[in-house]
């Protein structure tokens, strides 16, 4: 793990998370890196695309798969601003991602140690390195602000009606 490199790529993922927020989506961003080059980018888009699978990780891996012309993302690292859910970690396994780096833990749906720890499951056929907490404060702040704004807007709507 190279903290300087991880911070650089996580910053790129955080910028994509901010883009998701601009579109009213939960601010999660992800990038796929191979040999020090970004080959895939994605941010949460399930609301705007009416697609429940359009999580940041899935979007980034779709982009990388297209860029690399392969569904196997061998030798790649996925950077994501929030701990992946069960659906996303399953896709990460199928893509054969080598390393996962995530920022903030997800105590409600996290599948990399918070609720479940699927990468630690030795019975599965793919194993990857997982590094957690890279720029977690920045990601956590972005998520907390987003949900605080949504709660405030909901409260305002209740009082106006």
N, C-alpha and C. Protein backbone atom coordinates (compact mmCIF):
# COMPACT_ATOMS: atom_id res chain seq x y z
N UNK A 1 0.84 -1.19 0.00
CA UNK A 1 0.00 0.00 0.00
C UNK A 1 0.88 1.24 0.00
N UNK A 2 0.62 2.15 -0.89
CA UNK A 2 1.31 3.42 -0.96
C UNK A 2 0.29 4.50 -0.63
N UNK A 3 0.40 5.08 0.55
CA UNK A 3 -0.60 6.05 1.01
C UNK A 3 -0.73 7.23 0.07
N UNK A 4 0.36 7.72 -0.45
CA UNK A 4 0.31 8.87 -1.35
C UNK A 4 -0.47 8.54 -2.62
N UNK A 5 -0.19 7.39 -3.20
CA UNK A 5 -0.91 6.95 -4.40
C UNK A 5 -2.37 6.69 -4.08
N UNK A 6 -2.64 6.00 -2.97
CA UNK A 6 -4.03 5.73 -2.59
C UNK A 6 -4.80 7.02 -2.37
N UNK A 7 -4.21 8.00 -1.72
CA UNK A 7 -4.88 9.29 -1.51
C UNK A 7 -5.18 9.98 -2.84
N UNK A 8 -4.23 9.92 -3.77
CA UNK A 8 -4.42 10.54 -5.08
C UNK A 8 -5.64 9.94 -5.80
N UNK A 9 -5.70 8.61 -5.84
CA UNK A 9 -6.80 7.97 -6.55
C UNK A 9 -8.11 8.09 -5.77
N UNK A 10 -8.06 8.07 -4.44
CA UNK A 10 -9.29 8.25 -3.67
C UNK A 10 -9.83 9.66 -3.86
N UNK A 11 -8.95 10.63 -4.01
CA UNK A 11 -9.41 12.00 -4.28
C UNK A 11 -10.19 12.04 -5.59
N UNK A 12 -9.74 11.32 -6.59
CA UNK A 12 -10.46 11.25 -7.87
C UNK A 12 -11.84 10.62 -7.66
N UNK A 13 -11.92 9.59 -6.82
CA UNK A 13 -13.20 8.96 -6.53
C UNK A 13 -14.12 9.93 -5.77
N UNK A 14 -13.55 10.71 -4.85
CA UNK A 14 -14.35 11.70 -4.11
C UNK A 14 -14.92 12.77 -5.04
N UNK A 15 -14.16 13.15 -6.05
CA UNK A 15 -14.68 14.12 -7.03
C UNK A 15 -15.87 13.55 -7.78
N UNK A 16 -15.83 12.26 -8.08
CA UNK A 16 -16.98 11.62 -8.73
C UNK A 16 -18.16 11.52 -7.76
N UNK A 17 -17.89 11.31 -6.48
CA UNK A 17 -18.96 11.29 -5.48
C UNK A 17 -19.67 12.64 -5.44
N UNK A 18 -18.91 13.72 -5.55
CA UNK A 18 -19.52 15.05 -5.58
C UNK A 18 -20.39 15.23 -6.81
N UNK A 19 -19.98 14.63 -7.92
CA UNK A 19 -20.79 14.68 -9.14
C UNK A 19 -22.11 13.96 -8.92
N UNK A 20 -22.06 12.82 -8.25
CA UNK A 20 -23.30 12.09 -7.94
C UNK A 20 -24.23 12.98 -7.12
N UNK A 21 -23.67 13.66 -6.14
CA UNK A 21 -24.47 14.53 -5.28
C UNK A 21 -25.13 15.65 -6.09
N UNK A 22 -24.42 16.19 -7.06
CA UNK A 22 -24.99 17.24 -7.91
C UNK A 22 -26.24 16.77 -8.64
N UNK A 23 -26.31 15.47 -8.91
CA UNK A 23 -27.47 14.89 -9.59
C UNK A 23 -28.51 14.34 -8.62
N UNK A 24 -28.34 14.63 -7.33
CA UNK A 24 -29.29 14.18 -6.33
C UNK A 24 -29.14 12.72 -5.93
N UNK A 25 -28.01 12.13 -6.27
CA UNK A 25 -27.72 10.74 -5.93
C UNK A 25 -26.90 10.71 -4.64
N UNK A 26 -26.94 9.59 -3.94
CA UNK A 26 -26.08 9.41 -2.76
C UNK A 26 -24.63 9.56 -3.23
N UNK A 27 -23.85 10.43 -2.58
CA UNK A 27 -22.51 10.75 -3.07
C UNK A 27 -21.47 9.64 -2.86
N UNK A 28 -21.44 8.74 -3.81
CA UNK A 28 -20.45 7.67 -3.82
C UNK A 28 -19.80 7.67 -5.19
N UNK A 29 -18.47 7.64 -5.21
CA UNK A 29 -17.72 7.60 -6.45
C UNK A 29 -16.74 6.46 -6.42
N UNK A 30 -16.36 5.99 -7.63
CA UNK A 30 -15.42 4.88 -7.72
C UNK A 30 -14.58 5.01 -8.98
N UNK A 31 -13.36 4.51 -8.90
CA UNK A 31 -12.50 4.44 -10.08
C UNK A 31 -11.79 3.09 -10.07
N UNK A 32 -11.44 2.65 -11.28
CA UNK A 32 -10.66 1.43 -11.46
C UNK A 32 -9.31 1.85 -12.01
N UNK A 33 -8.24 1.34 -11.41
CA UNK A 33 -6.89 1.71 -11.80
C UNK A 33 -6.12 0.44 -12.18
N UNK A 34 -5.43 0.52 -13.30
CA UNK A 34 -4.55 -0.56 -13.72
C UNK A 34 -3.19 0.03 -14.06
N UNK A 35 -2.15 -0.48 -13.45
CA UNK A 35 -0.77 -0.01 -13.69
C UNK A 35 -0.66 1.51 -13.55
N UNK A 36 -1.31 2.06 -12.54
CA UNK A 36 -1.21 3.48 -12.26
C UNK A 36 -2.03 4.39 -13.16
N UNK A 37 -2.90 3.82 -13.99
CA UNK A 37 -3.72 4.59 -14.92
C UNK A 37 -5.19 4.32 -14.63
N UNK A 38 -6.00 5.38 -14.58
CA UNK A 38 -7.44 5.21 -14.39
C UNK A 38 -8.04 4.66 -15.68
N UNK A 39 -8.67 3.49 -15.57
CA UNK A 39 -9.28 2.85 -16.75
C UNK A 39 -10.81 2.80 -16.64
N UNK A 40 -11.35 3.20 -15.49
CA UNK A 40 -12.79 3.22 -15.33
C UNK A 40 -13.22 4.21 -14.27
N UNK A 41 -14.33 4.88 -14.54
CA UNK A 41 -14.88 5.87 -13.60
C UNK A 41 -16.37 5.62 -13.44
N UNK A 42 -16.86 5.88 -12.23
CA UNK A 42 -18.30 5.74 -12.01
C UNK A 42 -18.73 6.46 -10.76
N UNK A 43 -20.00 6.79 -10.73
CA UNK A 43 -20.60 7.36 -9.53
C UNK A 43 -22.03 6.85 -9.45
N UNK A 44 -22.61 6.94 -8.27
CA UNK A 44 -23.96 6.43 -8.05
C UNK A 44 -24.93 7.05 -9.04
N UNK A 45 -25.75 6.19 -9.67
CA UNK A 45 -26.75 6.67 -10.62
C UNK A 45 -28.04 5.85 -10.61
N UNK A 46 -28.36 5.14 -9.52
CA UNK A 46 -29.57 4.32 -9.57
C UNK A 46 -30.86 5.13 -9.73
N UNK A 47 -30.92 6.32 -9.14
CA UNK A 47 -32.13 7.13 -9.24
C UNK A 47 -32.30 7.68 -10.65
N UNK A 48 -31.25 8.30 -11.17
CA UNK A 48 -31.34 8.95 -12.48
C UNK A 48 -31.47 7.97 -13.63
N UNK A 49 -31.00 6.73 -13.44
CA UNK A 49 -31.09 5.73 -14.51
C UNK A 49 -32.21 4.73 -14.27
N UNK A 50 -32.90 4.83 -13.13
CA UNK A 50 -33.93 3.86 -12.74
C UNK A 50 -33.36 2.44 -12.81
N UNK A 51 -32.13 2.31 -12.33
CA UNK A 51 -31.42 1.03 -12.38
C UNK A 51 -30.87 0.73 -10.99
N UNK A 52 -31.43 -0.25 -10.30
CA UNK A 52 -30.97 -0.55 -8.95
C UNK A 52 -29.53 -1.06 -8.90
N UNK A 53 -28.96 -1.45 -10.03
CA UNK A 53 -27.57 -1.93 -10.04
C UNK A 53 -26.57 -0.83 -10.35
N UNK A 54 -27.02 0.38 -10.55
CA UNK A 54 -26.13 1.47 -10.98
C UNK A 54 -25.37 2.11 -9.82
N UNK A 55 -24.78 1.28 -8.98
CA UNK A 55 -23.91 1.78 -7.91
C UNK A 55 -22.58 2.22 -8.52
N UNK A 56 -21.87 3.06 -7.80
CA UNK A 56 -20.61 3.63 -8.30
C UNK A 56 -19.63 2.55 -8.74
N UNK A 57 -19.50 1.50 -7.92
CA UNK A 57 -18.55 0.43 -8.24
C UNK A 57 -18.91 -0.26 -9.55
N UNK A 58 -20.19 -0.56 -9.72
CA UNK A 58 -20.65 -1.24 -10.93
C UNK A 58 -20.40 -0.35 -12.15
N UNK A 59 -20.72 0.93 -12.01
CA UNK A 59 -20.52 1.86 -13.14
C UNK A 59 -19.03 1.97 -13.51
N UNK A 60 -18.17 2.02 -12.51
CA UNK A 60 -16.73 2.11 -12.77
C UNK A 60 -16.22 0.83 -13.43
N UNK A 61 -16.70 -0.32 -12.96
CA UNK A 61 -16.26 -1.58 -13.56
C UNK A 61 -16.80 -1.74 -14.98
N UNK A 62 -18.02 -1.28 -15.24
CA UNK A 62 -18.56 -1.31 -16.61
C UNK A 62 -17.69 -0.46 -17.53
N UNK A 63 -17.33 0.73 -17.03
CA UNK A 63 -16.48 1.62 -17.82
C UNK A 63 -15.12 0.98 -18.08
N UNK A 64 -14.54 0.39 -17.05
CA UNK A 64 -13.23 -0.26 -17.20
C UNK A 64 -13.31 -1.45 -18.15
N UNK A 65 -14.37 -2.25 -18.02
CA UNK A 65 -14.54 -3.40 -18.91
C UNK A 65 -14.62 -2.97 -20.36
N UNK A 66 -15.33 -1.87 -20.62
CA UNK A 66 -15.40 -1.34 -21.98
C UNK A 66 -14.06 -0.83 -22.46
N UNK A 67 -13.37 -0.14 -21.58
CA UNK A 67 -12.05 0.41 -21.93
C UNK A 67 -11.05 -0.70 -22.22
N UNK A 68 -11.11 -1.76 -21.42
CA UNK A 68 -10.15 -2.85 -21.55
C UNK A 68 -10.64 -3.95 -22.49
N UNK A 69 -11.90 -3.84 -22.93
CA UNK A 69 -12.53 -4.86 -23.79
C UNK A 69 -12.45 -6.24 -23.15
N UNK A 70 -12.74 -6.29 -21.83
CA UNK A 70 -12.68 -7.55 -21.11
C UNK A 70 -13.52 -7.42 -19.85
N UNK A 71 -14.27 -8.45 -19.52
CA UNK A 71 -15.04 -8.43 -18.28
C UNK A 71 -14.19 -8.80 -17.08
N UNK A 72 -13.03 -9.35 -17.31
CA UNK A 72 -12.08 -9.63 -16.25
C UNK A 72 -11.16 -8.43 -16.12
N UNK A 73 -11.13 -7.85 -14.95
CA UNK A 73 -10.33 -6.66 -14.70
C UNK A 73 -9.08 -7.06 -13.91
N UNK A 74 -8.30 -7.92 -14.53
CA UNK A 74 -7.11 -8.49 -13.88
C UNK A 74 -6.06 -7.42 -13.60
N UNK A 75 -5.45 -7.50 -12.45
CA UNK A 75 -4.40 -6.57 -12.07
C UNK A 75 -4.91 -5.18 -11.73
N UNK A 76 -6.21 -5.04 -11.50
CA UNK A 76 -6.80 -3.72 -11.24
C UNK A 76 -7.09 -3.51 -9.76
N UNK A 77 -7.08 -2.24 -9.38
CA UNK A 77 -7.49 -1.81 -8.05
C UNK A 77 -8.74 -0.98 -8.20
N UNK A 78 -9.72 -1.23 -7.36
CA UNK A 78 -10.95 -0.44 -7.33
C UNK A 78 -10.90 0.46 -6.11
N UNK A 79 -11.04 1.76 -6.32
CA UNK A 79 -11.13 2.74 -5.24
C UNK A 79 -12.58 3.20 -5.17
N UNK A 80 -13.17 3.15 -3.98
CA UNK A 80 -14.56 3.58 -3.81
C UNK A 80 -14.68 4.32 -2.49
N UNK A 81 -15.54 5.32 -2.47
CA UNK A 81 -15.65 6.20 -1.32
C UNK A 81 -16.48 5.62 -0.17
N UNK A 82 -17.18 4.51 -0.42
CA UNK A 82 -17.99 3.88 0.61
C UNK A 82 -17.83 2.37 0.50
N UNK A 83 -17.77 1.70 1.63
CA UNK A 83 -17.65 0.24 1.66
C UNK A 83 -18.70 -0.41 0.76
N UNK A 84 -18.29 -1.32 -0.10
CA UNK A 84 -19.23 -1.97 -1.01
C UNK A 84 -20.30 -2.81 -0.30
N UNK A 85 -21.47 -2.87 -0.95
CA UNK A 85 -22.56 -3.72 -0.49
C UNK A 85 -22.37 -5.13 -1.03
N UNK A 86 -23.29 -6.02 -0.70
CA UNK A 86 -23.20 -7.41 -1.14
C UNK A 86 -23.21 -7.51 -2.66
N UNK A 87 -24.09 -6.77 -3.33
CA UNK A 87 -24.16 -6.82 -4.78
C UNK A 87 -22.83 -6.40 -5.39
N UNK A 88 -22.28 -5.32 -4.90
CA UNK A 88 -21.04 -4.80 -5.48
C UNK A 88 -19.84 -5.70 -5.21
N UNK A 89 -19.75 -6.25 -4.00
CA UNK A 89 -18.60 -7.12 -3.74
C UNK A 89 -18.71 -8.38 -4.59
N UNK A 90 -19.92 -8.85 -4.85
CA UNK A 90 -20.10 -9.98 -5.76
C UNK A 90 -19.58 -9.66 -7.15
N UNK A 91 -19.90 -8.48 -7.66
CA UNK A 91 -19.41 -8.06 -8.97
C UNK A 91 -17.90 -7.88 -8.97
N UNK A 92 -17.37 -7.38 -7.87
CA UNK A 92 -15.92 -7.21 -7.73
C UNK A 92 -15.23 -8.57 -7.82
N UNK A 93 -15.79 -9.56 -7.15
CA UNK A 93 -15.24 -10.92 -7.24
C UNK A 93 -15.28 -11.44 -8.67
N UNK A 94 -16.42 -11.28 -9.32
CA UNK A 94 -16.57 -11.80 -10.69
C UNK A 94 -15.63 -11.09 -11.67
N UNK A 95 -15.35 -9.83 -11.43
CA UNK A 95 -14.43 -9.09 -12.30
C UNK A 95 -12.97 -9.44 -12.03
N UNK A 96 -12.73 -10.13 -10.92
CA UNK A 96 -11.37 -10.52 -10.51
C UNK A 96 -10.50 -9.30 -10.17
N UNK A 97 -11.13 -8.30 -9.55
CA UNK A 97 -10.38 -7.15 -9.05
C UNK A 97 -9.31 -7.68 -8.09
N UNK A 98 -8.11 -7.16 -8.20
CA UNK A 98 -6.99 -7.62 -7.36
C UNK A 98 -7.00 -6.98 -5.98
N UNK A 99 -7.40 -5.70 -5.94
CA UNK A 99 -7.33 -4.95 -4.68
C UNK A 99 -8.51 -3.99 -4.61
N UNK A 100 -9.08 -3.89 -3.43
CA UNK A 100 -10.17 -2.96 -3.16
C UNK A 100 -9.70 -1.98 -2.09
N UNK A 101 -9.90 -0.69 -2.36
CA UNK A 101 -9.57 0.35 -1.39
C UNK A 101 -10.86 1.16 -1.20
N UNK A 102 -11.33 1.23 0.04
CA UNK A 102 -12.53 2.04 0.27
C UNK A 102 -12.28 3.02 1.40
N UNK A 103 -13.06 4.09 1.37
CA UNK A 103 -12.91 5.17 2.35
C UNK A 103 -13.75 4.88 3.59
N UNK A 104 -15.01 5.24 3.57
CA UNK A 104 -15.87 5.15 4.74
C UNK A 104 -16.51 3.77 4.87
N UNK A 105 -16.60 3.30 6.10
CA UNK A 105 -17.32 2.06 6.39
C UNK A 105 -18.82 2.32 6.28
N UNK A 106 -19.58 1.27 5.95
CA UNK A 106 -21.04 1.38 5.85
C UNK A 106 -21.67 0.45 6.88
N UNK A 107 -22.06 0.99 8.04
CA UNK A 107 -22.57 0.15 9.12
C UNK A 107 -23.94 -0.47 8.84
N UNK A 108 -24.59 -0.07 7.74
CA UNK A 108 -25.91 -0.63 7.43
C UNK A 108 -25.87 -1.71 6.37
N UNK A 109 -25.00 -1.55 5.35
CA UNK A 109 -24.99 -2.53 4.25
C UNK A 109 -23.59 -2.96 3.85
N UNK A 110 -22.59 -2.58 4.58
CA UNK A 110 -21.21 -2.91 4.21
C UNK A 110 -20.92 -4.40 4.24
N UNK A 111 -20.34 -4.89 3.13
CA UNK A 111 -20.07 -6.33 3.01
C UNK A 111 -18.59 -6.64 3.04
N UNK A 112 -17.79 -5.71 3.58
CA UNK A 112 -16.33 -5.92 3.67
C UNK A 112 -15.86 -5.78 5.10
N UNK A 113 -16.73 -6.09 6.05
CA UNK A 113 -16.34 -6.05 7.44
C UNK A 113 -17.34 -5.38 8.36
N UNK A 114 -18.16 -4.47 7.86
CA UNK A 114 -19.09 -3.77 8.75
C UNK A 114 -20.29 -4.62 9.15
N UNK A 115 -21.00 -5.19 8.17
CA UNK A 115 -22.14 -6.06 8.44
C UNK A 115 -21.74 -7.51 8.16
N UNK A 116 -21.18 -7.71 7.00
CA UNK A 116 -20.63 -9.00 6.58
C UNK A 116 -19.18 -8.77 6.18
N UNK A 117 -18.43 -9.84 6.04
CA UNK A 117 -17.05 -9.72 5.56
C UNK A 117 -16.81 -10.77 4.48
N UNK A 118 -17.40 -10.53 3.32
CA UNK A 118 -17.29 -11.49 2.23
C UNK A 118 -15.86 -11.67 1.70
N UNK A 119 -15.03 -10.63 1.65
CA UNK A 119 -13.65 -10.86 1.20
C UNK A 119 -12.87 -11.81 2.12
N UNK A 120 -13.28 -11.94 3.36
CA UNK A 120 -12.59 -12.83 4.30
C UNK A 120 -13.10 -14.27 4.20
N UNK A 121 -14.13 -14.48 3.41
CA UNK A 121 -14.74 -15.81 3.28
C UNK A 121 -13.84 -16.71 2.44
N UNK A 122 -13.21 -17.66 3.07
CA UNK A 122 -12.23 -18.52 2.39
C UNK A 122 -12.87 -19.52 1.44
N UNK A 123 -14.16 -19.78 1.58
CA UNK A 123 -14.83 -20.75 0.70
C UNK A 123 -15.12 -20.18 -0.69
N UNK A 124 -15.02 -18.89 -0.85
CA UNK A 124 -15.26 -18.28 -2.16
C UNK A 124 -14.05 -18.48 -3.06
N UNK A 125 -14.29 -18.44 -4.38
CA UNK A 125 -13.22 -18.78 -5.32
C UNK A 125 -12.30 -17.63 -5.69
N UNK A 126 -12.58 -16.43 -5.23
CA UNK A 126 -11.69 -15.30 -5.54
C UNK A 126 -11.36 -14.57 -4.25
N UNK A 127 -10.12 -14.17 -4.14
CA UNK A 127 -9.67 -13.43 -2.96
C UNK A 127 -8.97 -12.17 -3.43
N UNK A 128 -9.13 -11.11 -2.69
CA UNK A 128 -8.50 -9.85 -3.04
C UNK A 128 -8.00 -9.17 -1.78
N UNK A 129 -7.10 -8.24 -1.98
CA UNK A 129 -6.61 -7.42 -0.88
C UNK A 129 -7.62 -6.32 -0.63
N UNK A 130 -7.85 -6.00 0.63
CA UNK A 130 -8.79 -4.94 0.99
C UNK A 130 -8.08 -3.98 1.94
N UNK A 131 -8.11 -2.70 1.58
CA UNK A 131 -7.59 -1.65 2.45
C UNK A 131 -8.73 -0.67 2.72
N UNK A 132 -9.01 -0.42 3.98
CA UNK A 132 -10.14 0.42 4.37
C UNK A 132 -9.67 1.69 5.07
N UNK A 133 -10.49 2.72 4.99
CA UNK A 133 -10.27 3.94 5.75
C UNK A 133 -9.45 5.01 5.06
N UNK A 134 -9.07 4.80 3.81
CA UNK A 134 -8.30 5.82 3.07
C UNK A 134 -9.22 7.01 2.80
N UNK A 135 -8.92 8.13 3.39
CA UNK A 135 -9.71 9.37 3.28
C UNK A 135 -11.14 9.19 3.79
N UNK A 136 -11.29 8.34 4.79
CA UNK A 136 -12.61 8.11 5.38
C UNK A 136 -13.25 9.39 5.94
N UNK A 137 -12.51 10.27 6.60
CA UNK A 137 -13.15 11.49 7.12
C UNK A 137 -13.78 12.34 6.01
N UNK A 138 -13.08 12.48 4.90
CA UNK A 138 -13.60 13.29 3.79
C UNK A 138 -14.87 12.66 3.21
N UNK A 139 -14.84 11.36 3.01
CA UNK A 139 -16.01 10.67 2.47
C UNK A 139 -17.17 10.71 3.46
N UNK A 140 -16.88 10.47 4.73
CA UNK A 140 -17.92 10.50 5.75
C UNK A 140 -18.59 11.85 5.86
N UNK A 141 -17.81 12.90 5.78
CA UNK A 141 -18.36 14.26 5.83
C UNK A 141 -19.30 14.51 4.66
N UNK A 142 -18.88 14.12 3.48
CA UNK A 142 -19.72 14.30 2.28
C UNK A 142 -21.05 13.56 2.44
N UNK A 143 -20.99 12.32 2.92
CA UNK A 143 -22.21 11.53 3.10
C UNK A 143 -23.10 12.13 4.19
N UNK A 144 -22.52 12.51 5.31
CA UNK A 144 -23.32 13.10 6.40
C UNK A 144 -24.01 14.39 5.95
N UNK A 145 -23.28 15.24 5.23
CA UNK A 145 -23.88 16.49 4.75
C UNK A 145 -25.03 16.21 3.79
N UNK A 146 -24.85 15.24 2.91
CA UNK A 146 -25.89 14.90 1.95
C UNK A 146 -27.17 14.45 2.67
N UNK A 147 -27.03 13.53 3.62
CA UNK A 147 -28.21 13.03 4.31
C UNK A 147 -28.82 14.07 5.24
N UNK A 148 -28.01 14.96 5.81
CA UNK A 148 -28.54 16.05 6.63
C UNK A 148 -29.38 16.99 5.77
N UNK A 149 -28.90 17.29 4.57
CA UNK A 149 -29.67 18.14 3.65
C UNK A 149 -30.99 17.48 3.26
N UNK A 150 -30.96 16.18 3.03
CA UNK A 150 -32.19 15.46 2.66
C UNK A 150 -33.18 15.46 3.82
N UNK A 151 -32.68 15.24 5.04
CA UNK A 151 -33.58 15.27 6.20
C UNK A 151 -34.17 16.67 6.39
N UNK A 152 -33.35 17.69 6.22
CA UNK A 152 -33.81 19.08 6.36
C UNK A 152 -34.89 19.38 5.32
N UNK A 153 -34.68 18.96 4.08
CA UNK A 153 -35.67 19.19 3.02
C UNK A 153 -36.96 18.44 3.32
N UNK A 154 -36.86 17.24 3.83
CA UNK A 154 -38.05 16.46 4.17
C UNK A 154 -38.82 17.13 5.30
N UNK A 155 -38.10 17.63 6.30
CA UNK A 155 -38.74 18.34 7.42
C UNK A 155 -39.46 19.59 6.92
N UNK A 156 -38.80 20.32 6.03
CA UNK A 156 -39.38 21.54 5.46
C UNK A 156 -40.67 21.20 4.71
N UNK A 157 -40.67 20.12 3.96
CA UNK A 157 -41.85 19.70 3.21
C UNK A 157 -43.01 19.33 4.14
N UNK A 158 -42.68 18.70 5.25
CA UNK A 158 -43.71 18.32 6.22
C UNK A 158 -44.37 19.57 6.80
N UNK A 159 -43.57 20.57 7.14
CA UNK A 159 -44.08 21.78 7.77
C UNK A 159 -44.82 22.67 6.77
N UNK A 160 -44.49 22.58 5.51
CA UNK A 160 -45.15 23.41 4.49
C UNK A 160 -46.51 22.83 4.10
N UNK A 161 -46.68 21.54 4.27
CA UNK A 161 -47.93 20.89 3.83
C UNK A 161 -48.93 20.76 4.92
